[in-house]
C-alpha cells in the first residue's frame, strides 16, 4: 500500500480519489485471479508477461524518483523479476516469481 500511496502522490492524486479507484477496481478480484494462476502453475499461459511487468515496475520506480521518493516493495520485486528474466522466462506470466527458481 505504501508504494501505491507514493505513486499516487507523485501524480498528485488525492487520497480520496485513490480510495475511490481502489473501491472501483476491487483488488480482491485481481488477487483471486493471481491465486488461480499460481496454484494452477500455468505460467506458460500468461495474462501479463514477465517482461511487461518488469517494464511497468521500472516505470513506477522512475515515476517515484521524479518526486525524490523511493518505493519500498517494487524494487525488491523488480530484482526478483530480473533473476527470472535472466533465466529466460520473459514470456511467462509474471507470477512465476512465486516459484522456487531451483525447480525451473
PDB file of N, CA and C in Angstrom:
ATOM      1  N   UNK A   1       0.828  -1.191   0.000  1.00  0.00           N
ATOM      2  CA  UNK A   1       0.000   0.000   0.000  1.00  0.00           C
ATOM      3  C   UNK A   1       0.875   1.258   0.000  1.00  0.00           C
ATOM      4  N   UNK A   2       2.012   1.194   0.690  1.00  0.00           N
ATOM      5  CA  UNK A   2       2.865   2.389   0.751  1.00  0.00           C
ATOM      6  C   UNK A   2       3.366   2.787  -0.634  1.00  0.00           C
ATOM      7  N   UNK A   3       3.708   1.800  -1.468  1.00  0.00           N
ATOM      8  CA  UNK A   3       4.143   2.119  -2.832  1.00  0.00           C
ATOM      9  C   UNK A   3       3.000   2.750  -3.624  1.00  0.00           C
ATOM     10  N   UNK A   4       1.804   2.263  -3.422  1.00  0.00           N
ATOM     11  CA  UNK A   4       0.637   2.811  -4.114  1.00  0.00           C
ATOM     12  C   UNK A   4       0.418   4.269  -3.716  1.00  0.00           C
ATOM     13  N   UNK A   5       0.521   4.547  -2.436  1.00  0.00           N
ATOM     14  CA  UNK A   5       0.351   5.921  -1.951  1.00  0.00           C
ATOM     15  C   UNK A   5       1.463   6.822  -2.492  1.00  0.00           C
ATOM     16  N   UNK A   6       2.686   6.323  -2.498  1.00  0.00           N
ATOM     17  CA  UNK A   6       3.807   7.104  -3.038  1.00  0.00           C
ATOM     18  C   UNK A   6       3.576   7.433  -4.509  1.00  0.00           C
ATOM     19  N   UNK A   7       3.148   6.445  -5.282  1.00  0.00           N
ATOM     20  CA  UNK A   7       2.884   6.692  -6.702  1.00  0.00           C
ATOM     21  C   UNK A   7       1.739   7.674  -6.888  1.00  0.00           C
ATOM     22  N   UNK A   8       0.672   7.506  -6.128  1.00  0.00           N
ATOM     23  CA  UNK A   8      -0.457   8.429  -6.226  1.00  0.00           C
ATOM     24  C   UNK A   8       0.002   9.853  -5.915  1.00  0.00           C
ATOM     25  N   UNK A   9       0.794   9.997  -4.862  1.00  0.00           N
ATOM     26  CA  UNK A   9       1.321  11.325  -4.515  1.00  0.00           C
ATOM     27  C   UNK A   9       2.157  11.902  -5.652  1.00  0.00           C
ATOM     28  N   UNK A  10       2.935  11.061  -6.310  1.00  0.00           N
ATOM     29  CA  UNK A  10       3.802  11.550  -7.388  1.00  0.00           C
ATOM     30  C   UNK A  10       3.003  12.074  -8.578  1.00  0.00           C
ATOM     31  N   UNK A  11       1.768  11.602  -8.704  1.00  0.00           N
ATOM     32  CA  UNK A  11       0.875  12.071  -9.770  1.00  0.00           C
ATOM     33  C   UNK A  11      -0.130  13.103  -9.253  1.00  0.00           C
ATOM     34  N   UNK A  12       0.042  13.527  -8.008  1.00  0.00           N
ATOM     35  CA  UNK A  12      -0.879  14.480  -7.372  1.00  0.00           C
ATOM     36  C   UNK A  12      -2.307  13.953  -7.302  1.00  0.00           C
ATOM     37  N   UNK A  13      -2.445  12.666  -7.085  1.00  0.00           N
ATOM     38  CA  UNK A  13      -3.763  12.049  -6.916  1.00  0.00           C
ATOM     39  C   UNK A  13      -4.131  12.132  -5.440  1.00  0.00           C
ATOM     40  N   UNK A  14      -5.278  12.694  -5.154  1.00  0.00           N
ATOM     41  CA  UNK A  14      -5.728  12.846  -3.776  1.00  0.00           C
ATOM     42  C   UNK A  14      -6.058  11.492  -3.159  1.00  0.00           C
ATOM     43  N   UNK A  15      -5.886  11.400  -1.855  1.00  0.00           N
ATOM     44  CA  UNK A  15      -6.183  10.155  -1.135  1.00  0.00           C
ATOM     45  C   UNK A  15      -7.637   9.735  -1.333  1.00  0.00           C
ATOM     46  N   UNK A  16      -8.546  10.695  -1.383  1.00  0.00           N
ATOM     47  CA  UNK A  16      -9.961  10.357  -1.586  1.00  0.00           C
ATOM     48  C   UNK A  16     -10.179   9.750  -2.968  1.00  0.00           C
ATOM     49  N   UNK A  17      -9.494  10.284  -3.967  1.00  0.00           N
ATOM     50  CA  UNK A  17      -9.603   9.731  -5.319  1.00  0.00           C
ATOM     51  C   UNK A  17      -8.972   8.343  -5.395  1.00  0.00           C
ATOM     52  N   UNK A  18      -7.864   8.160  -4.697  1.00  0.00           N
ATOM     53  CA  UNK A  18      -7.216   6.854  -4.664  1.00  0.00           C
ATOM     54  C   UNK A  18      -8.140   5.824  -4.016  1.00  0.00           C
ATOM     55  N   UNK A  19      -8.792   6.205  -2.948  1.00  0.00           N
ATOM     56  CA  UNK A  19      -9.736   5.301  -2.280  1.00  0.00           C
ATOM     57  C   UNK A  19     -10.873   4.906  -3.215  1.00  0.00           C
ATOM     58  N   UNK A  20     -11.402   5.880  -3.941  1.00  0.00           N
ATOM     59  CA  UNK A  20     -12.486   5.582  -4.885  1.00  0.00           C
ATOM     60  C   UNK A  20     -12.008   4.635  -5.978  1.00  0.00           C
ATOM     61  N   UNK A  21     -10.794   4.840  -6.466  1.00  0.00           N
ATOM     62  CA  UNK A  21     -10.238   3.979  -7.505  1.00  0.00           C
ATOM     63  C   UNK A  21     -10.082   2.547  -6.997  1.00  0.00           C
ATOM     64  N   UNK A  22      -9.587   2.397  -5.780  1.00  0.00           N
ATOM     65  CA  UNK A  22      -9.418   1.061  -5.208  1.00  0.00           C
ATOM     66  C   UNK A  22     -10.770   0.377  -5.047  1.00  0.00           C
ATOM     67  N   UNK A  23     -11.771   1.113  -4.600  1.00  0.00           N
ATOM     68  CA  UNK A  23     -13.113   0.538  -4.480  1.00  0.00           C
ATOM     69  C   UNK A  23     -13.636   0.099  -5.843  1.00  0.00           C
ATOM     70  N   UNK A  24     -13.403   0.900  -6.854  1.00  0.00           N
ATOM     71  CA  UNK A  24     -13.878   0.594  -8.204  1.00  0.00           C
ATOM     72  C   UNK A  24     -13.185  -0.637  -8.784  1.00  0.00           C
ATOM     73  N   UNK A  25     -11.865  -0.715  -8.625  1.00  0.00           N
ATOM     74  CA  UNK A  25     -11.090  -1.812  -9.216  1.00  0.00           C
ATOM     75  C   UNK A  25     -11.154  -3.101  -8.404  1.00  0.00           C
ATOM     76  N   UNK A  26     -11.466  -3.010  -7.127  1.00  0.00           N
ATOM     77  CA  UNK A  26     -11.581  -4.163  -6.237  1.00  0.00           C
ATOM     78  C   UNK A  26     -10.379  -5.101  -6.349  1.00  0.00           C
ATOM     79  N   UNK A  27      -9.281  -4.767  -5.683  1.00  0.00           N
ATOM     80  CA  UNK A  27      -8.070  -5.590  -5.754  1.00  0.00           C
ATOM     81  C   UNK A  27      -8.273  -7.043  -5.336  1.00  0.00           C
ATOM     82  N   UNK A  28      -9.305  -7.329  -4.557  1.00  0.00           N
ATOM     83  CA  UNK A  28      -9.561  -8.720  -4.153  1.00  0.00           C
ATOM     84  C   UNK A  28      -9.834  -9.590  -5.375  1.00  0.00           C
ATOM     85  N   UNK A  29     -10.493  -9.036  -6.366  1.00  0.00           N
ATOM     86  CA  UNK A  29     -10.767  -9.779  -7.597  1.00  0.00           C
ATOM     87  C   UNK A  29      -9.465 -10.092  -8.324  1.00  0.00           C
ATOM     88  N   UNK A  30      -8.578  -9.138  -8.373  1.00  0.00           N
ATOM     89  CA  UNK A  30      -7.274  -9.339  -9.004  1.00  0.00           C
ATOM     90  C   UNK A  30      -6.488 -10.397  -8.239  1.00  0.00           C
ATOM     91  N   UNK A  31      -6.512 -10.310  -6.916  1.00  0.00           N
ATOM     92  CA  UNK A  31      -5.779 -11.276  -6.089  1.00  0.00           C
ATOM     93  C   UNK A  31      -6.288 -12.695  -6.319  1.00  0.00           C
ATOM     94  N   UNK A  32      -7.579 -12.848  -6.474  1.00  0.00           N
ATOM     95  CA  UNK A  32      -8.149 -14.172  -6.730  1.00  0.00           C
ATOM     96  C   UNK A  32      -7.650 -14.728  -8.062  1.00  0.00           C
ATOM     97  N   UNK A  33      -7.593 -13.901  -9.072  1.00  0.00           N
ATOM     98  CA  UNK A  33      -7.064 -14.327 -10.371  1.00  0.00           C
ATOM     99  C   UNK A  33      -5.603 -14.734 -10.288  1.00  0.00           C
ATOM    100  N   UNK A  34      -4.823 -13.971  -9.547  1.00  0.00           N
ATOM    101  CA  UNK A  34      -3.405 -14.304  -9.379  1.00  0.00           C
ATOM    102  C   UNK A  34      -3.246 -15.607  -8.598  1.00  0.00           C
ATOM    103  N   UNK A  35      -4.091 -15.805  -7.584  1.00  0.00           N
ATOM    104  CA  UNK A  35      -4.052 -17.049  -6.813  1.00  0.00           C
ATOM    105  C   UNK A  35      -4.332 -18.244  -7.715  1.00  0.00           C
ATOM    106  N   UNK A  36      -5.314 -18.106  -8.574  1.00  0.00           N
ATOM    107  CA  UNK A  36      -5.640 -19.198  -9.509  1.00  0.00           C
ATOM    108  C   UNK A  36      -4.473 -19.491 -10.447  1.00  0.00           C
ATOM    109  N   UNK A  37      -3.817 -18.452 -10.922  1.00  0.00           N
ATOM    110  CA  UNK A  37      -2.671 -18.638 -11.821  1.00  0.00           C
ATOM    111  C   UNK A  37      -1.542 -19.359 -11.082  1.00  0.00           C
ATOM    112  N   UNK A  38      -1.254 -18.930  -9.873  1.00  0.00           N
ATOM    113  CA  UNK A  38      -0.157 -19.529  -9.107  1.00  0.00           C
ATOM    114  C   UNK A  38      -0.448 -20.987  -8.781  1.00  0.00           C
ATOM    115  N   UNK A  39      -1.660 -21.280  -8.335  1.00  0.00           N
ATOM    116  CA  UNK A  39      -1.970 -22.655  -7.941  1.00  0.00           C
ATOM    117  C   UNK A  39      -2.110 -23.591  -9.135  1.00  0.00           C
ATOM    118  N   UNK A  40      -2.471 -23.061 -10.289  1.00  0.00           N
ATOM    119  CA  UNK A  40      -2.577 -23.907 -11.492  1.00  0.00           C
ATOM    120  C   UNK A  40      -1.216 -24.119 -12.146  1.00  0.00           C
ATOM    121  N   UNK A  41      -0.260 -23.242 -11.802  1.00  0.00           N
ATOM    122  CA  UNK A  41       1.101 -23.302 -12.360  1.00  0.00           C
ATOM    123  C   UNK A  41       1.109 -23.257 -13.888  1.00  0.00           C
ATOM    124  N   UNK A  42       0.193 -22.476 -14.449  1.00  0.00           N
ATOM    125  CA  UNK A  42       0.115 -22.317 -15.905  1.00  0.00           C
ATOM    126  C   UNK A  42       0.849 -21.043 -16.333  1.00  0.00           C
ATOM    127  N   UNK A  43       2.075 -20.932 -15.893  1.00  0.00           N
ATOM    128  CA  UNK A  43       2.862 -19.728 -16.154  1.00  0.00           C
ATOM    129  C   UNK A  43       3.195 -19.561 -17.633  1.00  0.00           C
ATOM    130  N   UNK A  44       3.112 -20.654 -18.385  1.00  0.00           N
ATOM    131  CA  UNK A  44       3.376 -20.589 -19.822  1.00  0.00           C
ATOM    132  C   UNK A  44       2.167 -20.061 -20.592  1.00  0.00           C
ATOM    133  N   UNK A  45       1.086 -19.747 -19.888  1.00  0.00           N
ATOM    134  CA  UNK A  45      -0.115 -19.153 -20.478  1.00  0.00           C
ATOM    135  C   UNK A  45      -0.333 -17.796 -19.797  1.00  0.00           C
ATOM    136  N   UNK A  46       0.469 -16.818 -20.168  1.00  0.00           N
ATOM    137  CA  UNK A  46       0.472 -15.558 -19.425  1.00  0.00           C
ATOM    138  C   UNK A  46      -0.772 -14.705 -19.640  1.00  0.00           C
ATOM    139  N   UNK A  47      -1.182 -14.067 -18.572  1.00  0.00           N
ATOM    140  CA  UNK A  47      -2.169 -13.000 -18.693  1.00  0.00           C
ATOM    141  C   UNK A  47      -1.448 -11.649 -18.611  1.00  0.00           C
ATOM    142  N   UNK A  48      -0.221 -11.684 -18.083  1.00  0.00           N
ATOM    143  CA  UNK A  48       0.634 -10.497 -18.018  1.00  0.00           C
ATOM    144  C   UNK A  48       2.068 -10.997 -18.027  1.00  0.00           C
ATOM    145  N   UNK A  49       2.739 -10.819 -19.149  1.00  0.00           N
ATOM    146  CA  UNK A  49       4.088 -11.356 -19.316  1.00  0.00           C
ATOM    147  C   UNK A  49       5.077 -10.697 -18.356  1.00  0.00           C
ATOM    148  N   UNK A  50       6.017 -11.494 -17.909  1.00  0.00           N
ATOM    149  CA  UNK A  50       7.054 -11.016 -17.000  1.00  0.00           C
ATOM    150  C   UNK A  50       7.795  -9.813 -17.579  1.00  0.00           C
ATOM    151  N   UNK A  51       8.091  -9.838 -18.865  1.00  0.00           N
ATOM    152  CA  UNK A  51       8.814  -8.712 -19.479  1.00  0.00           C
ATOM    153  C   UNK A  51       8.018  -7.410 -19.373  1.00  0.00           C
ATOM    154  N   UNK A  52       6.708  -7.494 -19.553  1.00  0.00           N
ATOM    155  CA  UNK A  52       5.864  -6.301 -19.440  1.00  0.00           C
ATOM    156  C   UNK A  52       5.734  -5.855 -17.986  1.00  0.00           C
ATOM    157  N   UNK A  53       5.621  -6.814 -17.083  1.00  0.00           N
ATOM    158  CA  UNK A  53       5.534  -6.485 -15.661  1.00  0.00           C
ATOM    159  C   UNK A  53       6.809  -5.778 -15.206  1.00  0.00           C
ATOM    160  N   UNK A  54       7.949  -6.231 -15.709  1.00  0.00           N
ATOM    161  CA  UNK A  54       9.222  -5.602 -15.338  1.00  0.00           C
ATOM    162  C   UNK A  54       9.311  -4.191 -15.886  1.00  0.00           C
ATOM    163  N   UNK A  55       8.813  -3.992 -17.108  1.00  0.00           N
ATOM    164  CA  UNK A  55       8.790  -2.638 -17.674  1.00  0.00           C
ATOM    165  C   UNK A  55       7.929  -1.731 -16.798  1.00  0.00           C
ATOM    166  N   UNK A  56       6.784  -2.225 -16.382  1.00  0.00           N
ATOM    167  CA  UNK A  56       5.899  -1.436 -15.531  1.00  0.00           C
ATOM    168  C   UNK A  56       6.550  -1.122 -14.184  1.00  0.00           C
ATOM    169  N   UNK A  57       7.277  -2.092 -13.626  1.00  0.00           N
ATOM    170  CA  UNK A  57       7.985  -1.852 -12.366  1.00  0.00           C
ATOM    171  C   UNK A  57       9.013  -0.734 -12.546  1.00  0.00           C
ATOM    172  N   UNK A  58       9.726  -0.772 -13.669  1.00  0.00           N
ATOM    173  CA  UNK A  58      10.710   0.283 -13.960  1.00  0.00           C
ATOM    174  C   UNK A  58      10.032   1.645 -14.045  1.00  0.00           C
ATOM    175  N   UNK A  59       8.901   1.700 -14.751  1.00  0.00           N
ATOM    176  CA  UNK A  59       8.184   2.965 -14.891  1.00  0.00           C
ATOM    177  C   UNK A  59       7.705   3.490 -13.540  1.00  0.00           C
ATOM    178  N   UNK A  60       7.250   2.603 -12.672  1.00  0.00           N
ATOM    179  CA  UNK A  60       6.801   3.028 -11.342  1.00  0.00           C
ATOM    180  C   UNK A  60       7.959   3.586 -10.523  1.00  0.00           C
ATOM    181  N   UNK A  61       9.104   2.920 -10.583  1.00  0.00           N
ATOM    182  CA  UNK A  61      10.272   3.402  -9.836  1.00  0.00           C
ATOM    183  C   UNK A  61      10.743   4.747 -10.378  1.00  0.00           C
ATOM    184  N   UNK A  62      10.729   4.890 -11.696  1.00  0.00           N
ATOM    185  CA  UNK A  62      11.132   6.164 -12.305  1.00  0.00           C
ATOM    186  C   UNK A  62      10.170   7.282 -11.925  1.00  0.00           C
ATOM    187  N   UNK A  63       8.879   6.973 -11.900  1.00  0.00           N
ATOM    188  CA  UNK A  63       7.893   7.990 -11.528  1.00  0.00           C
ATOM    189  C   UNK A  63       8.099   8.447 -10.090  1.00  0.00           C
ATOM    190  N   UNK A  64       8.316   7.519  -9.190  1.00  0.00           N
ATOM    191  CA  UNK A  64       8.556   7.887  -7.788  1.00  0.00           C
ATOM    192  C   UNK A  64       9.799   8.767  -7.673  1.00  0.00           C
ATOM    193  N   UNK A  65      10.804   8.460  -8.459  1.00  0.00           N
ATOM    194  CA  UNK A  65      12.053   9.231  -8.420  1.00  0.00           C
ATOM    195  C   UNK A  65      11.855  10.676  -8.878  1.00  0.00           C
ATOM    196  N   UNK A  66      10.843  10.932  -9.705  1.00  0.00           N
ATOM    197  CA  UNK A  66      10.607  12.301 -10.176  1.00  0.00           C
ATOM    198  C   UNK A  66      10.235  13.239  -9.041  1.00  0.00           C
ATOM    199  N   UNK A  67       9.749  12.676  -7.931  1.00  0.00           N
ATOM    200  CA  UNK A  67       9.415  13.497  -6.762  1.00  0.00           C
ATOM    201  C   UNK A  67      10.338  13.141  -5.587  1.00  0.00           C
ATOM    202  N   UNK A  68      11.512  12.612  -5.946  1.00  0.00           N
ATOM    203  CA  UNK A  68      12.533  12.251  -4.950  1.00  0.00           C
ATOM    204  C   UNK A  68      12.021  11.292  -3.882  1.00  0.00           C
ATOM    205  N   UNK A  69      11.214  10.342  -4.306  1.00  0.00           N
ATOM    206  CA  UNK A  69      10.700   9.305  -3.409  1.00  0.00           C
ATOM    207  C   UNK A  69      11.237   7.965  -3.869  1.00  0.00           C
ATOM    208  N   UNK A  70      11.281   7.051  -2.936  1.00  0.00           N
ATOM    209  CA  UNK A  70      11.725   5.702  -3.262  1.00  0.00           C
ATOM    210  C   UNK A  70      10.633   4.725  -2.845  1.00  0.00           C
ATOM    211  N   UNK A  71      10.330   3.786  -3.718  1.00  0.00           N
ATOM    212  CA  UNK A  71       9.349   2.759  -3.397  1.00  0.00           C
ATOM    213  C   UNK A  71       9.992   1.723  -2.479  1.00  0.00           C
ATOM    214  N   UNK A  72       9.172   1.013  -1.732  1.00  0.00           N
ATOM    215  CA  UNK A  72       9.674   0.036  -0.769  1.00  0.00           C
ATOM    216  C   UNK A  72       9.620  -1.384  -1.323  1.00  0.00           C
ATOM    217  N   UNK A  73       8.490  -1.766  -1.881  1.00  0.00           N
ATOM    218  CA  UNK A  73       8.272  -3.152  -2.310  1.00  0.00           C
ATOM    219  C   UNK A  73       8.700  -3.389  -3.757  1.00  0.00           C
ATOM    220  N   UNK A  74       8.331  -2.493  -4.639  1.00  0.00           N
ATOM    221  CA  UNK A  74       8.564  -2.687  -6.075  1.00  0.00           C
ATOM    222  C   UNK A  74      10.033  -2.953  -6.415  1.00  0.00           C
ATOM    223  N   UNK A  75      11.006  -2.250  -5.841  1.00  0.00           N
ATOM    224  CA  UNK A  75      12.400  -2.559  -6.187  1.00  0.00           C
ATOM    225  C   UNK A  75      12.806  -4.001  -5.864  1.00  0.00           C
ATOM    226  N   UNK A  76      12.334  -4.528  -4.755  1.00  0.00           N
ATOM    227  CA  UNK A  76      12.659  -5.920  -4.402  1.00  0.00           C
ATOM    228  C   UNK A  76      12.009  -6.893  -5.375  1.00  0.00           C
ATOM    229  N   UNK A  77      10.781  -6.593  -5.772  1.00  0.00           N
ATOM    230  CA  UNK A  77      10.092  -7.435  -6.753  1.00  0.00           C
ATOM    231  C   UNK A  77      10.818  -7.353  -8.093  1.00  0.00           C
ATOM    232  N   UNK A  78      11.240  -6.159  -8.475  1.00  0.00           N
ATOM    233  CA  UNK A  78      11.962  -5.971  -9.740  1.00  0.00           C
ATOM    234  C   UNK A  78      13.259  -6.777  -9.755  1.00  0.00           C
ATOM    235  N   UNK A  79      13.923  -6.834  -8.628  1.00  0.00           N
ATOM    236  CA  UNK A  79      15.160  -7.613  -8.532  1.00  0.00           C
ATOM    237  C   UNK A  79      14.889  -9.100  -8.792  1.00  0.00           C
ATOM    238  N   UNK A  80      13.806  -9.591  -8.223  1.00  0.00           N
ATOM    239  CA  UNK A  80      13.446 -10.995  -8.453  1.00  0.00           C
ATOM    240  C   UNK A  80      13.018 -11.196  -9.912  1.00  0.00           C
ATOM    241  N   UNK A  81      12.321 -10.227 -10.482  1.00  0.00           N
ATOM    242  CA  UNK A  81      11.950 -10.296 -11.896  1.00  0.00           C
ATOM    243  C   UNK A  81      13.196 -10.414 -12.764  1.00  0.00           C
ATOM    244  N   UNK A  82      14.209  -9.614 -12.454  1.00  0.00           N
ATOM    245  CA  UNK A  82      15.446  -9.640 -13.236  1.00  0.00           C
ATOM    246  C   UNK A  82      16.093 -11.021 -13.206  1.00  0.00           C
ATOM    247  N   UNK A  83      16.039 -11.673 -12.059  1.00  0.00           N
ATOM    248  CA  UNK A  83      16.611 -13.013 -11.939  1.00  0.00           C
ATOM    249  C   UNK A  83      15.883 -13.991 -12.867  1.00  0.00           C
ATOM    250  N   UNK A  84      14.543 -13.920 -12.884  1.00  0.00           N
ATOM    251  CA  UNK A  84      13.762 -14.810 -13.753  1.00  0.00           C
ATOM    252  C   UNK A  84      13.965 -14.461 -15.227  1.00  0.00           C
ATOM    253  N   UNK A  85      14.086 -13.177 -15.524  1.00  0.00           N
ATOM    254  CA  UNK A  85      14.338 -12.764 -16.907  1.00  0.00           C
ATOM    255  C   UNK A  85      15.668 -13.317 -17.398  1.00  0.00           C
ATOM    256  N   UNK A  86      16.692 -13.279 -16.562  1.00  0.00           N
ATOM    257  CA  UNK A  86      17.999 -13.830 -16.938  1.00  0.00           C
ATOM    258  C   UNK A  86      17.926 -15.329 -17.190  1.00  0.00           C
ATOM    259  N   UNK A  87      16.971 -15.987 -16.562  1.00  0.00           N
ATOM    260  CA  UNK A  87      16.793 -17.428 -16.760  1.00  0.00           C
ATOM    261  C   UNK A  87      15.970 -17.734 -18.021  1.00  0.00           C
ATOM    262  N   UNK A  88      15.467 -16.674 -18.702  1.00  0.00           N
ATOM    263  CA  UNK A  88      14.762 -16.873 -19.958  1.00  0.00           C
ATOM    264  C   UNK A  88      13.247 -16.970 -19.862  1.00  0.00           C
ATOM    265  N   UNK A  89      12.646 -16.404 -18.826  1.00  0.00           N
ATOM    266  CA  UNK A  89      11.205 -16.535 -18.620  1.00  0.00           C
ATOM    267  C   UNK A  89      10.421 -15.264 -18.967  1.00  0.00           C
ATOM    268  N   UNK A  90      10.934 -14.446 -19.863  1.00  0.00           N
ATOM    269  CA  UNK A  90      10.309 -13.167 -20.207  1.00  0.00           C
ATOM    270  C   UNK A  90       8.872 -13.310 -20.690  1.00  0.00           C
ATOM    271  N   UNK A  91       8.565 -14.378 -21.405  1.00  0.00           N
ATOM    272  CA  UNK A  91       7.233 -14.561 -21.994  1.00  0.00           C
ATOM    273  C   UNK A  91       6.267 -15.286 -21.058  1.00  0.00           C
ATOM    274  N   UNK A  92       6.743 -15.700 -19.889  1.00  0.00           N
ATOM    275  CA  UNK A  92       5.882 -16.375 -18.923  1.00  0.00           C
ATOM    276  C   UNK A  92       5.087 -15.359 -18.115  1.00  0.00           C
ATOM    277  N   UNK A  93       4.041 -15.843 -17.455  1.00  0.00           N
ATOM    278  CA  UNK A  93       3.265 -14.985 -16.582  1.00  0.00           C
ATOM    279  C   UNK A  93       4.159 -14.500 -15.441  1.00  0.00           C
ATOM    280  N   UNK A  94       3.973 -13.266 -15.053  1.00  0.00           N
ATOM    281  CA  UNK A  94       4.833 -12.662 -14.036  1.00  0.00           C
ATOM    282  C   UNK A  94       4.742 -13.363 -12.689  1.00  0.00           C
ATOM    283  N   UNK A  95       3.661 -14.104 -12.441  1.00  0.00           N
ATOM    284  CA  UNK A  95       3.504 -14.771 -11.149  1.00  0.00           C
ATOM    285  C   UNK A  95       4.442 -15.956 -10.987  1.00  0.00           C
ATOM    286  N   UNK A  96       5.232 -16.242 -12.007  1.00  0.00           N
ATOM    287  CA  UNK A  96       6.262 -17.270 -11.856  1.00  0.00           C
ATOM    288  C   UNK A  96       7.217 -16.886 -10.722  1.00  0.00           C
ATOM    289  N   UNK A  97       7.203 -15.614 -10.354  1.00  0.00           N
ATOM    290  CA  UNK A  97       8.018 -15.145  -9.231  1.00  0.00           C
ATOM    291  C   UNK A  97       7.709 -15.900  -7.948  1.00  0.00           C
ATOM    292  N   UNK A  98       6.523 -16.455  -7.859  1.00  0.00           N
ATOM    293  CA  UNK A  98       6.106 -17.159  -6.643  1.00  0.00           C
ATOM    294  C   UNK A  98       6.757 -18.528  -6.500  1.00  0.00           C
ATOM    295  N   UNK A  99       7.440 -18.967  -7.521  1.00  0.00           N
ATOM    296  CA  UNK A  99       8.001 -20.316  -7.540  1.00  0.00           C
ATOM    297  C   UNK A  99       9.463 -20.335  -7.095  1.00  0.00           C
ATOM    298  N   UNK A 100       9.914 -21.507  -6.727  1.00  0.00           N
ATOM    299  CA  UNK A 100      11.316 -21.711  -6.371  1.00  0.00           C
ATOM    300  C   UNK A 100      12.116 -21.777  -7.672  1.00  0.00           C
ATOM    301  N   UNK A 101      13.021 -20.834  -7.903  1.00  0.00           N
ATOM    302  CA  UNK A 101      13.770 -20.834  -9.168  1.00  0.00           C
ATOM    303  C   UNK A 101      14.624 -22.082  -9.363  1.00  0.00           C
ATOM    304  N   UNK A 102      14.947 -22.774  -8.308  1.00  0.00           N
ATOM    305  CA  UNK A 102      15.742 -24.001  -8.428  1.00  0.00           C
ATOM    306  C   UNK A 102      14.948 -25.156  -9.025  1.00  0.00           C
ATOM    307  N   UNK A 103      13.624 -25.005  -9.085  1.00  0.00           N
ATOM    308  CA  UNK A 103      12.773 -26.047  -9.653  1.00  0.00           C
ATOM    309  C   UNK A 103      12.499 -25.822 -11.133  1.00  0.00           C
ATOM    310  N   UNK A 104      13.030 -24.741 -11.696  1.00  0.00           N
ATOM    311  CA  UNK A 104      12.791 -24.410 -13.105  1.00  0.00           C
ATOM    312  C   UNK A 104      14.092 -24.322 -13.853  1.00  0.00           C
TER     313      UNK A 104
END
